[in-house]
Protein backbone atom coordinates (compact mmCIF):
# COMPACT_ATOMS: atom_id res chain seq x y z
CA UNK A 1 0.03 0.05 -0.10
CA UNK A 2 2.81 2.42 0.91
CA UNK A 3 4.59 1.42 -2.08
CA UNK A 4 1.48 2.26 -4.17
CA UNK A 5 1.20 5.52 -2.62
CA UNK A 6 4.59 6.76 -3.27
CA UNK A 7 4.13 5.56 -6.78
CA UNK A 8 0.86 7.72 -7.28
CA UNK A 9 3.04 10.90 -5.80
CA UNK A 10 5.64 10.21 -8.63
CA UNK A 11 3.19 10.34 -11.07
CA UNK A 12 1.41 13.11 -9.70
CA UNK A 13 4.64 15.04 -9.33
CA UNK A 14 6.05 13.82 -12.97
CA UNK A 15 2.73 15.18 -14.38
CA UNK A 16 2.93 18.47 -12.67
CA UNK A 17 6.58 18.77 -14.04
CA UNK A 18 5.45 17.75 -17.72
CA UNK A 19 2.54 20.36 -17.59
CA UNK A 20 5.26 23.26 -16.44
CA UNK A 21 7.53 22.61 -18.95
CA UNK A 22 4.94 22.30 -21.61
CA UNK A 23 3.78 25.71 -20.27
CA UNK A 24 7.07 27.28 -20.33
CA UNK A 25 7.95 25.97 -23.91
CA UNK A 26 4.81 27.46 -25.51
CA UNK A 27 5.41 30.39 -23.69
CA UNK A 28 8.58 30.62 -25.95
CA UNK A 29 6.62 29.55 -29.02
CA UNK A 30 3.98 32.32 -28.08
CA UNK A 31 6.30 35.09 -27.62
CA UNK A 32 7.87 34.73 -30.94
CA UNK A 33 4.41 34.54 -32.51
CA UNK A 34 3.38 37.59 -30.01
CA UNK A 35 6.63 39.42 -32.07
CA UNK A 36 5.15 38.81 -35.31
CA UNK A 37 1.63 39.91 -34.49
CA UNK A 38 2.99 43.32 -33.00
CA UNK A 39 5.75 44.24 -35.72
CA UNK A 40 3.84 43.29 -38.62
CA UNK A 41 -0.03 42.78 -38.05
CA UNK A 42 -0.20 41.83 -42.29
CA UNK A 43 2.09 39.92 -42.21
CA UNK A 44 0.55 37.71 -39.45
CA UNK A 45 -2.39 37.55 -41.56
CA UNK A 46 -0.32 36.41 -44.70
CA UNK A 47 1.15 33.88 -42.35
CA UNK A 48 -2.64 32.41 -41.22
CA UNK A 49 -3.77 32.64 -44.68
CA UNK A 50 -1.19 29.95 -45.82
CA UNK A 51 -2.85 27.28 -43.51
CA UNK A 52 -6.58 27.62 -45.38
CA UNK A 53 -9.57 27.05 -43.54
CA UNK A 54 -7.27 25.42 -40.53
CA UNK A 55 -6.23 29.04 -40.08
CA UNK A 56 -9.15 29.88 -37.87
CA UNK A 57 -7.89 26.43 -35.68
CA UNK A 58 -4.45 27.72 -35.60
CA UNK A 59 -5.77 30.92 -34.28
CA UNK A 60 -8.40 29.37 -31.65
CA UNK A 61 -5.51 27.31 -30.57
CA UNK A 62 -3.07 30.35 -30.15
CA UNK A 63 -5.93 31.82 -28.23
CA UNK A 64 -6.09 28.57 -25.99
CA UNK A 65 -2.24 28.39 -25.55
CA UNK A 66 -2.24 32.14 -24.14
CA UNK A 67 -5.04 31.72 -21.51
CA UNK A 68 -3.10 28.53 -20.54
CA UNK A 69 0.15 30.17 -20.41
CA UNK A 70 -1.17 33.10 -18.54
CA UNK A 71 2.08 34.92 -18.45
CA UNK A 72 1.44 36.79 -21.96
CA UNK A 73 -1.29 39.29 -22.68
CA UNK A 74 -3.96 38.03 -24.74
CA UNK A 75 -5.19 41.56 -26.24
CA UNK A 76 -2.02 40.98 -29.09
CA UNK A 77 -3.84 37.63 -30.26
CA UNK A 78 -7.45 39.06 -30.39
CA UNK A 79 -5.66 41.96 -32.20
CA UNK A 80 -4.56 39.69 -34.89
CA UNK A 81 -8.06 38.01 -34.75
CA UNK A 82 -9.09 41.07 -35.82
CA UNK A 83 -6.54 41.66 -38.64
CA UNK A 84 -6.72 38.06 -40.04
CA UNK A 85 -10.51 37.94 -39.73
CA UNK A 86 -12.56 40.76 -38.84
CA UNK A 87 -13.76 41.88 -35.65
CA UNK A 88 -16.93 39.52 -35.58
CA UNK A 89 -15.17 36.26 -36.64
CA UNK A 90 -12.13 37.13 -34.97
CA UNK A 91 -14.64 37.72 -31.40
CA UNK A 92 -16.01 33.74 -32.37
CA UNK A 93 -12.43 32.27 -32.86
CA UNK A 94 -10.78 34.16 -29.65
CA UNK A 95 -13.92 33.09 -27.69
CA UNK A 96 -13.85 29.45 -28.74
CA UNK A 97 -9.96 29.44 -27.99
CA UNK A 98 -10.49 31.18 -24.67
CA UNK A 99 -13.36 28.37 -23.62
CA UNK A 100 -10.78 25.58 -24.39
CA UNK A 101 -7.87 26.75 -22.59
CA UNK A 102 -10.00 27.65 -19.85
CA UNK A 103 -11.63 24.32 -19.60
CA UNK A 104 -8.25 22.83 -19.85
CA UNK A 105 -6.84 24.72 -17.29
CA UNK A 106 -10.01 23.98 -15.13
CA UNK A 107 -9.45 19.90 -15.25
CA UNK A 108 -5.71 20.28 -14.42
CA UNK A 109 -6.30 22.21 -11.22
CA UNK A 110 -8.99 20.02 -10.31
CA UNK A 111 -7.21 16.66 -11.34
CA UNK A 112 -3.50 18.03 -9.83
CA UNK A 113 -5.31 20.94 -6.99
CA UNK A 114 -3.16 23.45 -5.10
CA UNK A 115 -0.02 21.72 -6.07
CA UNK A 116 -0.12 22.55 -9.82
CA UNK A 117 -1.30 25.97 -8.96
CA UNK A 118 1.34 26.98 -6.76
CA UNK A 119 4.11 25.96 -9.59
CA UNK A 120 2.72 28.19 -12.14
CA UNK A 121 1.18 31.26 -9.86
CA UNK A 122 3.14 33.25 -7.18
CA UNK A 123 1.81 32.22 -4.02
CA UNK A 124 1.30 35.48 -2.46
CA UNK A 125 -1.01 35.92 -5.44
CA UNK A 126 -2.77 32.82 -4.43
CA UNK A 127 -3.11 33.98 -0.84
CA UNK A 128 -5.30 37.19 -2.05
CA UNK A 129 -7.71 35.05 -3.76
CA UNK A 130 -7.92 32.81 -0.73
CA UNK A 131 -10.89 34.34 0.77
CA UNK A 132 -13.04 33.42 -2.76
CA UNK A 133 -13.36 29.98 -1.73
CA UNK A 134 -15.67 30.57 0.86
CA UNK A 135 -17.43 33.57 -1.20
CA UNK A 136 -21.06 33.18 -1.29
CA UNK A 137 -21.65 35.10 -4.27
CA UNK A 138 -18.44 33.41 -6.30
CA UNK A 139 -20.69 33.38 -9.34
CA UNK A 140 -21.17 37.39 -9.54
CA UNK A 141 -17.59 38.13 -8.56
CA UNK A 142 -16.34 36.09 -11.15
CA UNK A 143 -18.25 37.65 -13.68
CA UNK A 144 -17.59 40.99 -12.69
CA UNK A 145 -13.59 39.92 -12.52
CA UNK A 146 -13.74 38.83 -16.34
CA UNK A 147 -16.10 41.76 -17.51
CA UNK A 148 -14.01 44.41 -16.12
CA UNK A 149 -10.76 45.28 -18.37
CA UNK A 150 -7.34 44.87 -17.08
CA UNK A 151 -8.36 42.59 -14.30
CA UNK A 152 -5.63 39.42 -14.24
CA UNK A 153 -8.56 37.04 -15.76
CA UNK A 154 -5.49 34.13 -16.31
CA UNK A 155 -4.76 33.87 -12.81
CA UNK A 156 -8.45 33.75 -11.81
CA UNK A 157 -8.83 31.12 -14.34
CA UNK A 158 -6.12 28.74 -12.42
CA UNK A 159 -7.66 29.85 -8.95
CA UNK A 160 -11.27 29.06 -9.81
CA UNK A 161 -10.63 25.55 -10.03
CA UNK A 162 -9.80 25.54 -6.25
CA UNK A 163 -13.23 27.13 -5.34
CA UNK A 164 -16.75 25.30 -5.14
CA UNK A 165 -17.59 26.91 -8.49
CA UNK A 166 -19.39 24.55 -11.02
CA UNK A 167 -17.02 23.93 -14.08
CA UNK A 168 -20.21 24.73 -16.33
CA UNK A 169 -21.09 27.91 -14.84
CA UNK A 170 -17.66 28.88 -14.77
CA UNK A 171 -17.07 28.26 -18.48
CA UNK A 172 -20.55 30.15 -19.04
CA UNK A 173 -19.69 32.94 -16.96
CA UNK A 174 -16.21 33.70 -18.34
CA UNK A 175 -17.14 33.10 -22.07
CA UNK A 176 -20.15 35.73 -21.99
CA UNK A 177 -17.96 38.60 -19.88
CA UNK A 178 -14.59 38.58 -22.01
CA UNK A 179 -16.93 39.66 -24.97
CA UNK A 180 -16.48 43.24 -24.36
CA UNK A 181 -12.77 43.39 -23.86
CA UNK A 182 -12.17 41.19 -26.92
CA UNK A 183 -14.48 42.85 -29.49
CA UNK A 184 -12.66 46.30 -28.94
CA UNK A 185 -9.37 44.59 -29.60
CA UNK A 186 -10.84 42.51 -33.21
CA UNK A 187 -12.35 45.63 -33.77
CA UNK A 188 -9.23 47.88 -33.53
CA UNK A 189 -7.15 45.07 -35.60
CA UNK A 190 -9.58 45.41 -38.18
CA UNK A 191 -8.87 48.93 -38.26
CA UNK A 192 -5.57 48.84 -38.53
CA UNK A 193 -5.38 46.24 -41.42
CA UNK A 194 -7.86 49.16 -43.12
CA UNK A 195 -5.36 51.37 -42.29
CA UNK A 196 -7.67 53.30 -40.15
CA UNK A 197 -5.05 54.38 -37.83
CA UNK A 198 -7.04 56.95 -36.01
CA UNK A 199 -10.02 54.90 -35.17
CA UNK A 200 -7.46 52.37 -34.26
CA UNK A 201 -5.48 54.97 -31.88
CA UNK A 202 -8.99 55.73 -30.56
CA UNK A 203 -10.02 52.46 -29.74
CA UNK A 204 -6.68 51.52 -28.13
CA UNK A 205 -6.93 54.95 -26.13
CA UNK A 206 -10.44 54.40 -24.99
CA UNK A 207 -9.27 50.52 -23.97
CA UNK A 208 -6.13 51.56 -22.20
CA UNK A 209 -8.21 54.37 -20.06
CA UNK A 210 -10.85 52.00 -19.49
CA UNK A 211 -8.57 49.00 -18.19
CA UNK A 212 -7.13 51.10 -16.07
CA UNK A 213 -10.60 52.31 -14.43
CA UNK A 214 -11.01 48.65 -14.16
CA UNK A 215 -8.13 47.51 -12.57
CA UNK A 216 -8.66 50.30 -9.73
CA UNK A 217 -11.73 49.10 -9.33
CA UNK A 218 -10.79 45.61 -9.34
CA UNK A 219 -8.57 46.33 -6.41
CA UNK A 220 -11.11 48.07 -4.46
CA UNK A 221 -13.54 45.35 -4.95
CA UNK A 222 -11.19 42.43 -3.85
CA UNK A 223 -9.93 44.65 -1.10
CA UNK A 224 -13.43 44.92 0.26
CA UNK A 225 -13.83 41.15 -0.14
CA UNK A 226 -11.05 40.11 1.68
CA UNK A 227 -12.18 42.71 4.80
CA UNK A 228 -15.41 41.08 4.61
CA UNK A 229 -14.25 37.66 4.57
CA UNK A 230 -11.28 38.51 7.42
CA UNK A 231 -14.14 40.12 9.65
CA UNK A 232 -16.38 36.28 9.02
CA UNK A 233 -13.50 34.68 10.18
CA UNK A 234 -12.89 36.76 13.20
CA UNK A 235 -16.64 36.62 14.10
CA UNK A 236 -16.57 32.92 13.74
CA UNK A 237 -13.32 32.59 16.01
CA UNK A 238 -15.08 34.82 18.62
CA UNK A 239 -18.06 32.64 18.64
CA UNK A 240 -16.62 30.02 18.83
CA UNK A 241 -14.06 30.72 21.55
CA UNK A 242 -17.18 32.46 23.53
CA UNK A 243 -18.89 28.86 23.32
CA UNK A 244 -16.10 27.41 24.82
CA UNK A 245 -15.57 29.81 27.44
CA UNK A 246 -19.60 29.47 28.38
CA UNK A 247 -19.13 25.35 28.72
CA UNK A 248 -17.59 24.47 31.86
CA UNK A 249 -17.91 20.99 32.76
CA UNK A 250 -18.89 19.95 36.01
CA UNK A 251 -16.83 18.60 38.84
CA UNK A 252 -17.10 15.21 39.99
């Protein structure tokens, strides 16, 4: 029995190591592709067109990997999607890719638990989100986080697998909430390929402004939730302590 347990642990850590190595390799691959999109969007469109209809699958796969890597900004891939396929089709492809990446992360976290998450996400960031495990209105909070531009969505995606949220709820909520931020990027990409640089500039400027405001709102909401969770924990501890004090066993 003990030997079997040791073997299971070895397989578990080997699997986690394989996921981490895969993530690092994909980070390098995506970084090269990101540079291509950022430096010459038109060339990125030509590159995708060489795959024919499979180019759409390639783009969706890139978006899925971006969500999985959680280190690189998705806006660049989303802009490339707008360049290659226009704002609406680019939006749909990005949503499909993001949903696939989200589903994969959720399965991996539910399969390997906090051991995997802690290898990929800094522990201090996880500690700040620990209150979400007991959040009563978790679905609403997740929707708000993914709706607000500028929030660390990929980190939340990894952490969500450690919470009680249902997979189906999480996938639907995050997919719908991603729409506003993705459509702005695909629309900007479409304007770039049309050489409507003024419109692209204003779309980016407005998006950046909303992202900055969204980040501040996110911090305020998370701080308030953390304080509320801490206060609730203190009240529960006080009740427990009071109950123990009130109960005095009789002698003899």
